[in-house]
């Protein structure tokens, strides 16, 4: 046997041991890091970190409508037009109301009211017959309420009002009249009893107005349109 085979091995130096320990520590550190990454991977927590962007609503938007939302949509689709908001009155001017025959209400500027009497001078005991005419001076047909509910006869002398047809009126009624362009219609005359009217004493005995040559003026209003001129007459 050779002497080399029986000689003891030389122990590694302290530097080699330190190098081996360093390599082992690096390996252990790498294993720990890998384990930590597996166990505590980013985004596995239930809450969002304060620095991370919050979840957007895109996922919620893609969800199909629920039964309740579908019912609400069906209910809103079945709403009648009457339930929809009406257009603002200021947005478009309101058209004139139409009559049953399709004509529009007469504008005041297109109607001439003319008071009428059957004479200019009445002898003692004669009752003046009062009436009026309506003329459509516009270029289109129109409808006006010319009934007794819309008629007002007024008789004056000087600044004093002696008689107004509506003071003790009963049985007033509506009468719609359709006037063609340029057409004139006449009211049915009625007799005035030459007495004063007093709406506060309709059941009192009538009081005669002055006569003996007294001058009176008749004005008529129809559906809010008053005659520009008056009809003058004298009571003897």
C-alpha atoms as a PDB file:
ATOM      1  CA  UNK A   1       0.000   0.000   0.000  1.00  0.00           C
ATOM      2  CA  UNK A   2       1.205   3.455  -0.823  1.00  0.00           C
ATOM      3  CA  UNK A   3       1.676   6.040   1.809  1.00  0.00           C
ATOM      4  CA  UNK A   4      -0.671   8.422  -0.087  1.00  0.00           C
ATOM      5  CA  UNK A   5      -3.653   6.154   0.447  1.00  0.00           C
ATOM      6  CA  UNK A   6      -3.240   6.123   4.201  1.00  0.00           C
ATOM      7  CA  UNK A   7      -2.692   9.853   4.658  1.00  0.00           C
ATOM      8  CA  UNK A   8      -5.638  11.803   6.180  1.00  0.00           C
ATOM      9  CA  UNK A   9      -7.758  14.127   3.967  1.00  0.00           C
ATOM     10  CA  UNK A  10      -7.268  17.802   4.302  1.00  0.00           C
ATOM     11  CA  UNK A  11     -10.249  19.654   5.845  1.00  0.00           C
ATOM     12  CA  UNK A  12     -11.811  22.501   3.778  1.00  0.00           C
ATOM     13  CA  UNK A  13     -10.808  25.930   4.843  1.00  0.00           C
ATOM     14  CA  UNK A  14     -13.102  28.298   6.762  1.00  0.00           C
ATOM     15  CA  UNK A  15     -13.571  30.361   3.584  1.00  0.00           C
ATOM     16  CA  UNK A  16     -15.068  27.372   1.792  1.00  0.00           C
ATOM     17  CA  UNK A  17     -17.496  26.780   4.683  1.00  0.00           C
ATOM     18  CA  UNK A  18     -18.631  30.389   4.578  1.00  0.00           C
ATOM     19  CA  UNK A  19     -19.195  30.164   0.832  1.00  0.00           C
ATOM     20  CA  UNK A  20     -21.265  27.008   1.228  1.00  0.00           C
ATOM     21  CA  UNK A  21     -23.373  28.572   4.008  1.00  0.00           C
ATOM     22  CA  UNK A  22     -23.994  31.637   1.827  1.00  0.00           C
ATOM     23  CA  UNK A  23     -25.182  29.475  -1.067  1.00  0.00           C
ATOM     24  CA  UNK A  24     -27.485  27.518   1.261  1.00  0.00           C
ATOM     25  CA  UNK A  25     -28.907  30.739   2.725  1.00  0.00           C
ATOM     26  CA  UNK A  26     -29.538  32.100  -0.749  1.00  0.00           C
ATOM     27  CA  UNK A  27     -31.372  28.901  -1.629  1.00  0.00           C
ATOM     28  CA  UNK A  28     -33.492  29.059   1.519  1.00  0.00           C
ATOM     29  CA  UNK A  29     -34.276  32.727   0.875  1.00  0.00           C
ATOM     30  CA  UNK A  30     -35.340  31.914  -2.674  1.00  0.00           C
ATOM     31  CA  UNK A  31     -37.622  29.142  -1.418  1.00  0.00           C
ATOM     32  CA  UNK A  32     -39.179  31.493   1.171  1.00  0.00           C
ATOM     33  CA  UNK A  33     -39.797  34.147  -1.471  1.00  0.00           C
ATOM     34  CA  UNK A  34     -41.448  31.613  -3.790  1.00  0.00           C
ATOM     35  CA  UNK A  35     -43.680  30.340  -0.975  1.00  0.00           C
ATOM     36  CA  UNK A  36     -44.678  33.879  -0.045  1.00  0.00           C
ATOM     37  CA  UNK A  37     -45.519  34.684  -3.660  1.00  0.00           C
ATOM     38  CA  UNK A  38     -47.718  31.594  -3.900  1.00  0.00           C
ATOM     39  CA  UNK A  39     -49.550  32.184  -0.601  1.00  0.00           C
ATOM     40  CA  UNK A  40     -49.827  35.966  -0.766  1.00  0.00           C
ATOM     41  CA  UNK A  41     -50.201  36.555  -4.526  1.00  0.00           C
ATOM     42  CA  UNK A  42     -51.259  40.116  -5.541  1.00  0.00           C
ATOM     43  CA  UNK A  43     -55.008  40.759  -5.829  1.00  0.00           C
ATOM     44  CA  UNK A  44     -56.041  37.795  -3.634  1.00  0.00           C
ATOM     45  CA  UNK A  45     -57.386  40.078  -0.853  1.00  0.00           C
ATOM     46  CA  UNK A  46     -61.142  40.873  -0.483  1.00  0.00           C
ATOM     47  CA  UNK A  47     -60.688  44.666  -0.469  1.00  0.00           C
ATOM     48  CA  UNK A  48     -59.083  46.909  -3.042  1.00  0.00           C
ATOM     49  CA  UNK A  49     -55.906  48.621  -1.982  1.00  0.00           C
ATOM     50  CA  UNK A  50     -56.259  52.325  -1.527  1.00  0.00           C
ATOM     51  CA  UNK A  51     -53.890  52.966  -4.393  1.00  0.00           C
ATOM     52  CA  UNK A  52     -55.612  50.579  -6.813  1.00  0.00           C
ATOM     53  CA  UNK A  53     -58.396  51.802  -9.153  1.00  0.00           C
ATOM     54  CA  UNK A  54     -61.882  50.959  -7.903  1.00  0.00           C
ATOM     55  CA  UNK A  55     -64.034  48.507  -9.801  1.00  0.00           C
ATOM     56  CA  UNK A  56     -65.953  50.181 -12.620  1.00  0.00           C
ATOM     57  CA  UNK A  57     -69.628  49.684 -13.421  1.00  0.00           C
ATOM     58  CA  UNK A  58     -68.991  47.948 -16.748  1.00  0.00           C
ATOM     59  CA  UNK A  59     -69.725  44.531 -15.298  1.00  0.00           C
ATOM     60  CA  UNK A  60     -73.012  45.731 -13.795  1.00  0.00           C
ATOM     61  CA  UNK A  61     -74.016  47.299 -17.062  1.00  0.00           C
ATOM     62  CA  UNK A  62     -73.701  44.003 -18.882  1.00  0.00           C
ATOM     63  CA  UNK A  63     -76.090  42.196 -16.523  1.00  0.00           C
ATOM     64  CA  UNK A  64     -79.448  41.277 -18.101  1.00  0.00           C
ATOM     65  CA  UNK A  65     -82.509  43.208 -16.829  1.00  0.00           C
ATOM     66  CA  UNK A  66     -84.250  41.696 -13.850  1.00  0.00           C
ATOM     67  CA  UNK A  67     -87.916  40.752 -13.882  1.00  0.00           C
ATOM     68  CA  UNK A  68     -88.835  43.900 -11.966  1.00  0.00           C
ATOM     69  CA  UNK A  69     -87.003  46.180 -14.364  1.00  0.00           C
ATOM     70  CA  UNK A  70     -88.612  44.434 -17.328  1.00  0.00           C
ATOM     71  CA  UNK A  71     -92.061  44.967 -15.797  1.00  0.00           C
ATOM     72  CA  UNK A  72     -91.314  48.638 -15.229  1.00  0.00           C
ATOM     73  CA  UNK A  73     -90.246  48.993 -18.827  1.00  0.00           C
ATOM     74  CA  UNK A  74     -93.426  47.303 -20.030  1.00  0.00           C
ATOM     75  CA  UNK A  75     -95.542  49.554 -17.820  1.00  0.00           C
ATOM     76  CA  UNK A  76     -93.833  52.680 -19.108  1.00  0.00           C
ATOM     77  CA  UNK A  77     -94.269  51.522 -22.693  1.00  0.00           C
ATOM     78  CA  UNK A  78     -98.005  51.062 -22.161  1.00  0.00           C
ATOM     79  CA  UNK A  79     -98.554  54.602 -20.874  1.00  0.00           C
ATOM     80  CA  UNK A  80    -101.198  56.513 -22.848  1.00  0.00           C
ATOM     81  CA  UNK A  81    -100.231  59.758 -24.609  1.00  0.00           C
ATOM     82  CA  UNK A  82    -102.408  61.648 -22.142  1.00  0.00           C
ATOM     83  CA  UNK A  83     -99.982  60.726 -19.361  1.00  0.00           C
ATOM     84  CA  UNK A  84     -97.037  62.298 -21.163  1.00  0.00           C
ATOM     85  CA  UNK A  85     -96.046  65.848 -20.137  1.00  0.00           C
ATOM     86  CA  UNK A  86     -97.848  68.476 -22.142  1.00  0.00           C
ATOM     87  CA  UNK A  87     -95.751  70.936 -24.181  1.00  0.00           C
ATOM     88  CA  UNK A  88     -95.069  74.250 -22.529  1.00  0.00           C
ATOM     89  CA  UNK A  89     -97.641  76.883 -23.265  1.00  0.00           C
ATOM     90  CA  UNK A  90     -94.845  79.346 -23.958  1.00  0.00           C
ATOM     91  CA  UNK A  91     -93.295  77.079 -26.586  1.00  0.00           C
ATOM     92  CA  UNK A  92     -96.022  77.481 -29.194  1.00  0.00           C
ATOM     93  CA  UNK A  93     -99.014  79.820 -29.305  1.00  0.00           C
ATOM     94  CA  UNK A  94    -102.320  78.099 -28.589  1.00  0.00           C
ATOM     95  CA  UNK A  95    -104.560  77.911 -31.668  1.00  0.00           C
ATOM     96  CA  UNK A  96    -108.017  79.438 -31.578  1.00  0.00           C
ATOM     97  CA  UNK A  97    -110.635  76.906 -30.408  1.00  0.00           C
ATOM     98  CA  UNK A  98    -112.335  75.121 -33.272  1.00  0.00           C
ATOM     99  CA  UNK A  99    -116.091  74.754 -33.626  1.00  0.00           C
ATOM    100  CA  UNK A 100    -117.842  71.517 -34.589  1.00  0.00           C
ATOM    101  CA  UNK A 101    -117.845  72.567 -38.253  1.00  0.00           C
ATOM    102  CA  UNK A 102    -114.079  73.067 -38.211  1.00  0.00           C
ATOM    103  CA  UNK A 103    -114.130  76.866 -38.226  1.00  0.00           C
ATOM    104  CA  UNK A 104    -112.200  78.839 -35.631  1.00  0.00           C
ATOM    105  CA  UNK A 105    -113.571  81.290 -33.096  1.00  0.00           C
ATOM    106  CA  UNK A 106    -114.069  84.781 -34.482  1.00  0.00           C
ATOM    107  CA  UNK A 107    -111.384  87.271 -33.551  1.00  0.00           C
ATOM    108  CA  UNK A 108    -112.681  90.504 -32.048  1.00  0.00           C
ATOM    109  CA  UNK A 109    -110.921  92.523 -34.728  1.00  0.00           C
ATOM    110  CA  UNK A 110    -112.826  90.679 -37.468  1.00  0.00           C
ATOM    111  CA  UNK A 111    -116.337  91.177 -36.073  1.00  0.00           C
ATOM    112  CA  UNK A 112    -118.427  94.354 -36.329  1.00  0.00           C
ATOM    113  CA  UNK A 113    -121.360  94.667 -33.936  1.00  0.00           C
ATOM    114  CA  UNK A 114    -123.998  97.209 -35.012  1.00  0.00           C
ATOM    115  CA  UNK A 115    -126.892  98.104 -32.664  1.00  0.00           C
ATOM    116  CA  UNK A 116    -130.284  98.539 -34.331  1.00  0.00           C
ATOM    117  CA  UNK A 117    -133.679 100.099 -33.510  1.00  0.00           C
ATOM    118  CA  UNK A 118    -136.743  99.991 -35.731  1.00  0.00           C
ATOM    119  CA  UNK A 119    -137.169 103.770 -35.541  1.00  0.00           C
ATOM    120  CA  UNK A 120    -135.375 106.949 -34.531  1.00  0.00           C
ATOM    121  CA  UNK A 121    -138.398 108.534 -32.835  1.00  0.00           C
ATOM    122  CA  UNK A 122    -141.050 106.815 -30.727  1.00  0.00           C
ATOM    123  CA  UNK A 123    -144.370 108.292 -29.822  1.00  0.00           C
ATOM    124  CA  UNK A 124    -145.761 107.971 -26.331  1.00  0.00           C
ATOM    125  CA  UNK A 125    -146.532 104.350 -25.515  1.00  0.00           C
ATOM    126  CA  UNK A 126    -144.529 102.884 -28.428  1.00  0.00           C
ATOM    127  CA  UNK A 127    -141.893 100.368 -27.462  1.00  0.00           C
ATOM    128  CA  UNK A 128    -138.550 100.545 -29.275  1.00  0.00           C
ATOM    129  CA  UNK A 129    -137.648  97.281 -30.986  1.00  0.00           C
ATOM    130  CA  UNK A 130    -133.991  96.495 -30.187  1.00  0.00           C
ATOM    131  CA  UNK A 131    -131.659  94.222 -32.148  1.00  0.00           C
ATOM    132  CA  UNK A 132    -128.178  94.090 -33.677  1.00  0.00           C
ATOM    133  CA  UNK A 133    -126.244  92.786 -36.656  1.00  0.00           C
ATOM    134  CA  UNK A 134    -122.934  90.902 -36.794  1.00  0.00           C
ATOM    135  CA  UNK A 135    -120.548  91.190 -39.742  1.00  0.00           C
ATOM    136  CA  UNK A 136    -117.459  89.077 -40.351  1.00  0.00           C
ATOM    137  CA  UNK A 137    -114.893  91.480 -41.807  1.00  0.00           C
ATOM    138  CA  UNK A 138    -112.159  88.830 -41.866  1.00  0.00           C
ATOM    139  CA  UNK A 139    -111.009  86.672 -44.770  1.00  0.00           C
ATOM    140  CA  UNK A 140    -111.875  83.316 -43.168  1.00  0.00           C
ATOM    141  CA  UNK A 141    -115.089  81.767 -41.840  1.00  0.00           C
ATOM    142  CA  UNK A 142    -115.411  81.857 -38.071  1.00  0.00           C
ATOM    143  CA  UNK A 143    -117.822  80.950 -35.290  1.00  0.00           C
ATOM    144  CA  UNK A 144    -119.181  83.233 -32.563  1.00  0.00           C
ATOM    145  CA  UNK A 145    -121.517  82.614 -29.638  1.00  0.00           C
ATOM    146  CA  UNK A 146    -124.305  85.074 -30.392  1.00  0.00           C
ATOM    147  CA  UNK A 147    -126.813  83.633 -27.925  1.00  0.00           C
ATOM    148  CA  UNK A 148    -128.624  85.587 -25.227  1.00  0.00           C
ATOM    149  CA  UNK A 149    -126.032  84.341 -22.729  1.00  0.00           C
ATOM    150  CA  UNK A 150    -123.465  86.471 -24.568  1.00  0.00           C
ATOM    151  CA  UNK A 151    -125.623  89.501 -25.431  1.00  0.00           C
ATOM    152  CA  UNK A 152    -125.589  92.719 -23.425  1.00  0.00           C
ATOM    153  CA  UNK A 153    -127.866  95.617 -24.424  1.00  0.00           C
ATOM    154  CA  UNK A 154    -127.203  98.930 -22.684  1.00  0.00           C
ATOM    155  CA  UNK A 155    -129.380 102.057 -22.949  1.00  0.00           C
ATOM    156  CA  UNK A 156    -127.962 105.348 -21.731  1.00  0.00           C
ATOM    157  CA  UNK A 157    -128.846 109.007 -21.764  1.00  0.00           C
ATOM    158  CA  UNK A 158    -125.942 111.331 -21.201  1.00  0.00           C
ATOM    159  CA  UNK A 159    -123.695 109.695 -18.599  1.00  0.00           C
ATOM    160  CA  UNK A 160    -126.510 107.760 -16.918  1.00  0.00           C
ATOM    161  CA  UNK A 161    -127.218 104.090 -17.589  1.00  0.00           C
ATOM    162  CA  UNK A 162    -130.982 103.489 -17.586  1.00  0.00           C
ATOM    163  CA  UNK A 163    -131.280  99.894 -18.672  1.00  0.00           C
ATOM    164  CA  UNK A 164    -129.019  96.841 -19.036  1.00  0.00           C
ATOM    165  CA  UNK A 165    -130.434  93.618 -20.439  1.00  0.00           C
ATOM    166  CA  UNK A 166    -128.494  91.345 -18.073  1.00  0.00           C
ATOM    167  CA  UNK A 167    -129.648  92.986 -14.836  1.00  0.00           C
ATOM    168  CA  UNK A 168    -132.682  90.715 -14.380  1.00  0.00           C
ATOM    169  CA  UNK A 169    -132.196  88.285 -17.249  1.00  0.00           C
ATOM    170  CA  UNK A 170    -133.570  84.732 -17.058  1.00  0.00           C
ATOM    171  CA  UNK A 171    -133.378  81.773 -19.421  1.00  0.00           C
ATOM    172  CA  UNK A 172    -130.170  82.863 -21.172  1.00  0.00           C
ATOM    173  CA  UNK A 173    -128.927  80.400 -23.797  1.00  0.00           C
ATOM    174  CA  UNK A 174    -125.953  79.880 -26.106  1.00  0.00           C
ATOM    175  CA  UNK A 175    -126.338  80.132 -29.875  1.00  0.00           C
ATOM    176  CA  UNK A 176    -123.333  79.467 -32.112  1.00  0.00           C
ATOM    177  CA  UNK A 177    -123.332  81.332 -35.413  1.00  0.00           C
ATOM    178  CA  UNK A 178    -120.922  80.490 -38.240  1.00  0.00           C
ATOM    179  CA  UNK A 179    -120.102  83.545 -40.344  1.00  0.00           C
ATOM    180  CA  UNK A 180    -118.581  83.362 -43.807  1.00  0.00           C
ATOM    181  CA  UNK A 181    -116.172  86.135 -44.845  1.00  0.00           C
ATOM    182  CA  UNK A 182    -118.168  89.332 -45.396  1.00  0.00           C
ATOM    183  CA  UNK A 183    -121.403  87.783 -44.107  1.00  0.00           C
ATOM    184  CA  UNK A 184    -123.847  89.773 -41.945  1.00  0.00           C
ATOM    185  CA  UNK A 185    -126.456  88.175 -39.676  1.00  0.00           C
ATOM    186  CA  UNK A 186    -129.255  89.888 -37.760  1.00  0.00           C
ATOM    187  CA  UNK A 187    -130.668  89.217 -34.311  1.00  0.00           C
ATOM    188  CA  UNK A 188    -134.399  88.887 -33.691  1.00  0.00           C
ATOM    189  CA  UNK A 189    -135.796  92.223 -32.414  1.00  0.00           C
ATOM    190  CA  UNK A 190    -137.534  92.465 -29.038  1.00  0.00           C
ATOM    191  CA  UNK A 191    -139.457  95.284 -27.352  1.00  0.00           C
ATOM    192  CA  UNK A 192    -138.059  97.438 -24.568  1.00  0.00           C
ATOM    193  CA  UNK A 193    -140.740  98.596 -22.113  1.00  0.00           C
ATOM    194  CA  UNK A 194    -139.223 102.065 -21.589  1.00  0.00           C
ATOM    195  CA  UNK A 195    -138.380 101.222 -17.987  1.00  0.00           C
ATOM    196  CA  UNK A 196    -135.274 101.261 -15.806  1.00  0.00           C
ATOM    197  CA  UNK A 197    -133.457  98.067 -14.838  1.00  0.00           C
ATOM    198  CA  UNK A 198    -132.249  97.356 -11.325  1.00  0.00           C
ATOM    199  CA  UNK A 199    -130.577  94.014 -10.646  1.00  0.00           C
ATOM    200  CA  UNK A 200    -131.004  94.593  -6.920  1.00  0.00           C
ATOM    201  CA  UNK A 201    -134.796  94.897  -7.240  1.00  0.00           C
ATOM    202  CA  UNK A 202    -135.924  92.652 -10.087  1.00  0.00           C
ATOM    203  CA  UNK A 203    -139.286  91.956  -8.421  1.00  0.00           C
ATOM    204  CA  UNK A 204    -140.048  95.604  -7.734  1.00  0.00           C
ATOM    205  CA  UNK A 205    -142.567  97.562  -9.784  1.00  0.00           C
ATOM    206  CA  UNK A 206    -140.942  98.898 -12.978  1.00  0.00           C
ATOM    207  CA  UNK A 207    -140.028 102.583 -13.111  1.00  0.00           C
ATOM    208  CA  UNK A 208    -140.542 104.386 -16.423  1.00  0.00           C
ATOM    209  CA  UNK A 209    -137.674 106.348 -17.923  1.00  0.00           C
ATOM    210  CA  UNK A 210    -138.041 110.043 -18.783  1.00  0.00           C
ATOM    211  CA  UNK A 211    -139.727 110.791 -22.095  1.00  0.00           C
ATOM    212  CA  UNK A 212    -141.137 113.920 -23.744  1.00  0.00           C
ATOM    213  CA  UNK A 213    -138.361 114.183 -26.269  1.00  0.00           C
ATOM    214  CA  UNK A 214    -135.605 112.545 -24.210  1.00  0.00           C
ATOM    215  CA  UNK A 215    -132.715 111.192 -26.271  1.00  0.00           C
ATOM    216  CA  UNK A 216    -131.256 107.740 -25.652  1.00  0.00           C
ATOM    217  CA  UNK A 217    -128.378 105.679 -27.025  1.00  0.00           C
ATOM    218  CA  UNK A 218    -128.257 101.910 -27.499  1.00  0.00           C
ATOM    219  CA  UNK A 219    -124.985  99.952 -27.437  1.00  0.00           C
ATOM    220  CA  UNK A 220    -124.682  96.179 -27.794  1.00  0.00           C
ATOM    221  CA  UNK A 221    -121.974  93.706 -26.796  1.00  0.00           C
ATOM    222  CA  UNK A 222    -121.866  90.175 -28.229  1.00  0.00           C
ATOM    223  CA  UNK A 223    -119.462  87.532 -26.932  1.00  0.00           C
ATOM    224  CA  UNK A 224    -117.336  90.266 -25.387  1.00  0.00           C
ATOM    225  CA  UNK A 225    -117.215  92.385 -28.572  1.00  0.00           C
ATOM    226  CA  UNK A 226    -118.835  95.800 -28.049  1.00  0.00           C
ATOM    227  CA  UNK A 227    -120.258  97.974 -30.790  1.00  0.00           C
ATOM    228  CA  UNK A 228    -118.091 100.985 -31.601  1.00  0.00           C
ATOM    229  CA  UNK A 229    -121.079 103.205 -32.348  1.00  0.00           C
ATOM    230  CA  UNK A 230    -124.468 103.570 -30.678  1.00  0.00           C
ATOM    231  CA  UNK A 231    -127.959 103.762 -32.120  1.00  0.00           C
ATOM    232  CA  UNK A 232    -129.683 107.007 -31.078  1.00  0.00           C
ATOM    233  CA  UNK A 233    -133.447 107.335 -30.627  1.00  0.00           C
ATOM    234  CA  UNK A 234    -135.934 109.694 -29.003  1.00  0.00           C
ATOM    235  CA  UNK A 235    -138.826 108.897 -26.682  1.00  0.00           C
ATOM    236  CA  UNK A 236    -141.824 111.193 -26.920  1.00  0.00           C
END
